[in-house]
């Protein structure tokens, strides 16, 4: 669990929920800083979702695990449409926000703490580029194998990522090379998030091309059914049990 002083993401979200707040700042381990697109996205209603999100959410079935639920927009939508949803996030204030918004089952839990005590799921969702929570190549394969043990025979994973190579920003291209030299995937970022006086611990976050995702999924008990593409390299994917 994040300490309150570390819950930058949650404080930004909770402030926004209460009509206040501003923008998170992301710091990468090469010294690159970026400003988030703002917390409005975490609270967006279905009518304002991207076309790829609207398409991929139709593949959700049965009991759903939402990994990295944020303010709960996807979980709330699925709950309203009759799904039994369990939402998890490492941020205590994100989970508090979800509950205040009416989400029935939401708990503070990291992806590493997912276990059989949560029960069996038919669908796992990882939206908002949350395929990145799988952290790295070997870690991703290990997590996918673990997911296989806690899901039904016909289960699916619905996820979102972004092709890191669709950029011409010199700092990003330099970071790709920086990663390769230290034996990491080009899109494997080391980040921390700042908001007001709050700063998260450093964490790994993985963005991958479709070919890289195919490679990661191979041999884990899952297979990619389809990609749902969008502009600027961001895409959703439907992954199904083999």
Protein backbone atom coordinates (compact mmCIF):
# COMPACT_ATOMS: atom_id res chain seq x y z
CA UNK A 1 0.00 0.00 0.00
CA UNK A 2 1.23 3.49 -0.81
CA UNK A 3 1.85 5.82 2.10
CA UNK A 4 -0.20 9.00 1.97
CA UNK A 5 2.91 10.99 1.08
CA UNK A 6 3.43 8.64 -1.90
CA UNK A 7 -0.13 8.69 -3.24
CA UNK A 8 0.36 11.47 -5.79
CA UNK A 9 -1.99 9.88 -8.32
CA UNK A 10 -4.69 9.34 -5.70
CA UNK A 11 -4.48 12.87 -4.33
CA UNK A 12 -4.84 14.32 -7.83
CA UNK A 13 -7.86 12.13 -8.44
CA UNK A 14 -9.49 12.77 -5.07
CA UNK A 15 -8.97 16.53 -5.40
CA UNK A 16 -10.60 16.46 -8.82
CA UNK A 17 -13.53 14.47 -7.43
CA UNK A 18 -13.98 17.24 -4.87
CA UNK A 19 -13.84 20.01 -7.46
CA UNK A 20 -10.22 20.98 -6.93
CA UNK A 21 -6.84 19.80 -8.12
CA UNK A 22 -4.52 20.09 -11.04
CA UNK A 23 -2.15 18.00 -13.10
CA UNK A 24 0.28 15.24 -12.25
CA UNK A 25 3.90 15.52 -13.37
CA UNK A 26 5.63 12.35 -14.56
CA UNK A 27 9.37 12.02 -14.06
CA UNK A 28 11.34 9.45 -16.07
CA UNK A 29 14.67 8.06 -14.87
CA UNK A 30 16.61 9.85 -17.60
CA UNK A 31 15.50 13.19 -16.17
CA UNK A 32 12.62 13.76 -18.61
CA UNK A 33 9.50 15.38 -17.14
CA UNK A 34 6.02 15.48 -18.66
CA UNK A 35 2.64 16.89 -17.67
CA UNK A 36 -0.34 14.52 -17.59
CA UNK A 37 -3.39 15.10 -19.77
CA UNK A 38 -5.33 15.85 -16.60
CA UNK A 39 -7.71 13.96 -14.31
CA UNK A 40 -10.83 14.58 -16.43
CA UNK A 41 -10.07 11.38 -18.34
CA UNK A 42 -10.30 9.24 -15.18
CA UNK A 43 -13.90 10.35 -14.69
CA UNK A 44 -15.09 10.42 -18.29
CA UNK A 45 -18.52 8.98 -19.07
CA UNK A 46 -19.05 6.30 -21.70
CA UNK A 47 -20.30 8.82 -24.28
CA UNK A 48 -16.89 10.52 -24.14
CA UNK A 49 -14.77 7.37 -24.35
CA UNK A 50 -12.59 6.69 -27.36
CA UNK A 51 -14.01 4.45 -30.09
CA UNK A 52 -11.44 1.75 -29.26
CA UNK A 53 -12.61 1.65 -25.63
CA UNK A 54 -16.25 1.42 -26.67
CA UNK A 55 -15.42 -1.45 -29.01
CA UNK A 56 -13.23 -3.46 -26.66
CA UNK A 57 -15.53 -3.17 -23.62
CA UNK A 58 -18.16 -5.15 -25.54
CA UNK A 59 -15.90 -8.21 -25.17
CA UNK A 60 -16.21 -8.21 -21.37
CA UNK A 61 -18.05 -11.25 -20.02
CA UNK A 62 -19.06 -12.54 -16.61
CA UNK A 63 -17.07 -11.72 -13.50
CA UNK A 64 -14.50 -8.97 -14.11
CA UNK A 65 -11.21 -7.98 -12.46
CA UNK A 66 -10.19 -4.37 -13.15
CA UNK A 67 -6.44 -3.97 -12.59
CA UNK A 68 -5.41 -0.37 -11.98
CA UNK A 69 -8.99 0.87 -11.78
CA UNK A 70 -8.23 4.54 -11.11
CA UNK A 71 -11.45 6.43 -10.45
CA UNK A 72 -13.43 3.39 -11.62
CA UNK A 73 -14.95 4.58 -14.87
CA UNK A 74 -14.72 1.19 -16.61
CA UNK A 75 -15.73 -0.78 -13.51
CA UNK A 76 -18.75 1.45 -12.88
CA UNK A 77 -19.88 1.05 -16.48
CA UNK A 78 -19.62 -2.74 -16.28
CA UNK A 79 -21.31 -2.82 -12.87
CA UNK A 80 -24.20 -0.81 -14.27
CA UNK A 81 -24.50 -3.39 -17.05
CA UNK A 82 -24.87 -6.31 -14.67
CA UNK A 83 -21.31 -7.53 -14.24
CA UNK A 84 -19.83 -8.62 -10.92
CA UNK A 85 -16.71 -6.43 -10.80
CA UNK A 86 -13.73 -6.44 -8.46
CA UNK A 87 -11.60 -3.32 -8.88
CA UNK A 88 -8.08 -2.96 -7.51
CA UNK A 89 -5.55 -0.15 -7.38
CA UNK A 90 -2.40 0.50 -5.40
CA UNK A 91 -3.67 3.99 -4.53
CA UNK A 92 -5.78 4.22 -1.33
CA UNK A 93 -7.37 7.47 -2.45
CA UNK A 94 -8.24 6.01 -5.85
CA UNK A 95 -10.12 3.20 -4.10
CA UNK A 96 -11.81 5.68 -1.76
CA UNK A 97 -12.90 7.67 -4.81
CA UNK A 98 -14.27 4.54 -6.47
CA UNK A 99 -16.34 3.67 -3.43
CA UNK A 100 -17.69 7.20 -3.12
CA UNK A 101 -18.74 6.96 -6.75
CA UNK A 102 -20.74 3.81 -6.03
CA UNK A 103 -18.42 0.96 -6.92
CA UNK A 104 -19.41 -2.04 -4.79
CA UNK A 105 -16.17 -4.03 -4.70
CA UNK A 106 -12.94 -2.03 -4.72
CA UNK A 107 -9.81 -2.65 -2.69
CA UNK A 108 -6.26 -1.42 -2.28
CA UNK A 109 -4.10 -4.10 -3.84
CA UNK A 110 -1.13 -4.12 -6.18
CA UNK A 111 -0.85 -6.38 -9.19
CA UNK A 112 1.75 -8.42 -7.27
CA UNK A 113 -0.84 -9.10 -4.55
CA UNK A 114 -3.43 -10.66 -6.85
CA UNK A 115 -4.15 -14.18 -5.66
CA UNK A 116 -6.69 -17.03 -5.55
CA UNK A 117 -8.50 -15.45 -2.61
CA UNK A 118 -10.12 -13.08 -5.11
CA UNK A 119 -11.88 -15.99 -6.80
CA UNK A 120 -12.21 -16.95 -10.46
CA UNK A 121 -12.72 -14.34 -13.18
CA UNK A 122 -14.09 -14.47 -16.71
CA UNK A 123 -12.54 -11.18 -17.80
CA UNK A 124 -9.53 -9.14 -16.74
CA UNK A 125 -9.38 -5.52 -17.90
CA UNK A 126 -6.26 -3.35 -18.04
CA UNK A 127 -7.29 -0.10 -19.70
CA UNK A 128 -5.64 3.31 -19.71
CA UNK A 129 -2.40 1.79 -21.06
CA UNK A 130 -2.44 -0.52 -18.03
CA UNK A 131 -0.84 -3.39 -19.87
CA UNK A 132 2.13 -1.33 -18.70
CA UNK A 133 1.57 -2.53 -15.13
CA UNK A 134 3.11 -5.86 -16.21
CA UNK A 135 6.43 -3.98 -15.83
CA UNK A 136 8.83 -5.84 -18.15
CA UNK A 137 9.25 -8.74 -20.56
CA UNK A 138 9.84 -11.59 -18.09
CA UNK A 139 7.53 -10.10 -15.47
CA UNK A 140 4.74 -9.79 -18.04
CA UNK A 141 5.02 -13.43 -19.03
CA UNK A 142 4.95 -14.47 -15.37
CA UNK A 143 1.87 -12.37 -14.63
CA UNK A 144 0.02 -13.73 -17.66
CA UNK A 145 0.73 -17.30 -16.55
CA UNK A 146 -0.59 -16.37 -13.10
CA UNK A 147 -3.73 -14.85 -14.61
CA UNK A 148 -4.30 -18.15 -16.40
CA UNK A 149 -4.62 -19.94 -13.05
CA UNK A 150 -7.29 -17.59 -11.69
CA UNK A 151 -9.57 -17.33 -14.71
CA UNK A 152 -12.16 -19.55 -16.37
CA UNK A 153 -11.42 -21.78 -19.37
CA UNK A 154 -12.97 -19.24 -21.75
CA UNK A 155 -11.55 -16.14 -20.06
CA UNK A 156 -10.22 -13.08 -21.83
CA UNK A 157 -7.97 -10.14 -21.06
CA UNK A 158 -8.91 -6.74 -22.45
CA UNK A 159 -5.97 -4.36 -22.39
CA UNK A 160 -4.59 -1.13 -23.80
CA UNK A 161 -1.06 -0.14 -24.77
CA UNK A 162 0.77 2.22 -27.08
CA UNK A 163 3.45 1.60 -29.69
CA UNK A 164 6.56 3.34 -28.30
CA UNK A 165 8.17 3.51 -31.74
CA UNK A 166 5.53 5.82 -33.21
CA UNK A 167 7.36 8.95 -32.12
CA UNK A 168 9.91 11.35 -33.54
CA UNK A 169 10.62 13.09 -30.22
CA UNK A 170 14.42 13.03 -29.82
CA UNK A 171 14.26 12.51 -26.05
CA UNK A 172 12.07 9.42 -26.49
CA UNK A 173 14.28 7.96 -29.19
CA UNK A 174 17.32 8.54 -26.98
CA UNK A 175 15.52 6.80 -24.12
CA UNK A 176 14.88 3.76 -26.30
CA UNK A 177 18.61 3.48 -26.91
CA UNK A 178 19.34 4.10 -23.23
CA UNK A 179 17.07 1.16 -22.39
CA UNK A 180 18.60 -1.17 -24.96
CA UNK A 181 22.09 -0.52 -23.60
CA UNK A 182 21.02 -1.63 -20.13
CA UNK A 183 19.19 -4.72 -21.36
CA UNK A 184 15.63 -3.43 -21.12
CA UNK A 185 12.86 -3.24 -23.69
CA UNK A 186 12.82 0.09 -25.53
CA UNK A 187 9.42 1.03 -24.12
CA UNK A 188 10.15 -0.10 -20.56
CA UNK A 189 10.01 3.09 -18.55
CA UNK A 190 11.14 3.79 -15.01
CA UNK A 191 8.85 6.47 -13.61
CA UNK A 192 7.59 8.31 -10.61
CA UNK A 193 4.64 10.69 -10.34
CA UNK A 194 4.57 14.10 -8.64
CA UNK A 195 1.50 16.01 -7.50
CA UNK A 196 1.75 18.98 -5.14
CA UNK A 197 3.91 17.68 -2.25
CA UNK A 198 3.23 14.00 -3.03
CA UNK A 199 5.67 11.74 -4.90
CA UNK A 200 5.25 8.05 -5.74
CA UNK A 201 8.09 5.54 -5.44
CA UNK A 202 9.88 4.68 -8.68
CA UNK A 203 8.11 1.97 -10.69
CA UNK A 204 8.51 0.16 -14.01
CA UNK A 205 5.89 0.71 -16.70
CA UNK A 206 5.95 -1.11 -20.02
CA UNK A 207 4.58 0.11 -23.34
CA UNK A 208 4.91 -2.23 -26.29
CA UNK A 209 4.29 -2.51 -30.02
CA UNK A 210 1.81 -5.09 -31.28
CA UNK A 211 4.66 -7.38 -32.36
CA UNK A 212 6.22 -7.15 -28.90
CA UNK A 213 2.88 -7.92 -27.28
CA UNK A 214 2.52 -10.99 -29.52
CA UNK A 215 5.92 -12.15 -28.31
CA UNK A 216 5.09 -11.55 -24.64
CA UNK A 217 1.77 -13.39 -24.83
CA UNK A 218 3.26 -16.40 -26.64
CA UNK A 219 3.70 -19.44 -24.41
CA UNK A 220 1.70 -18.07 -21.47
CA UNK A 221 -1.55 -19.95 -22.08
CA UNK A 222 -3.09 -16.97 -23.86
CA UNK A 223 -3.38 -15.92 -27.48
CA UNK A 224 -4.23 -12.58 -29.10
CA UNK A 225 -7.63 -12.65 -30.77
CA UNK A 226 -7.62 -9.16 -32.24
CA UNK A 227 -6.20 -5.67 -32.04
CA UNK A 228 -8.44 -2.61 -32.06
CA UNK A 229 -6.32 0.19 -33.43
CA UNK A 230 -6.54 3.92 -33.06
CA UNK A 231 -4.59 7.02 -33.93
CA UNK A 232 -1.16 7.93 -32.58
CA UNK A 233 -0.14 4.34 -31.89
CA UNK A 234 -2.53 3.62 -29.02
CA UNK A 235 -4.48 0.38 -29.36
CA UNK A 236 -6.62 -2.08 -27.45
CA UNK A 237 -6.31 -5.85 -27.58
CA UNK A 238 -8.52 -8.86 -26.90
CA UNK A 239 -6.47 -11.75 -25.47
CA UNK A 240 -8.14 -15.14 -25.01
CA UNK A 241 -7.32 -18.47 -23.35
CA UNK A 242 -5.67 -20.95 -25.68
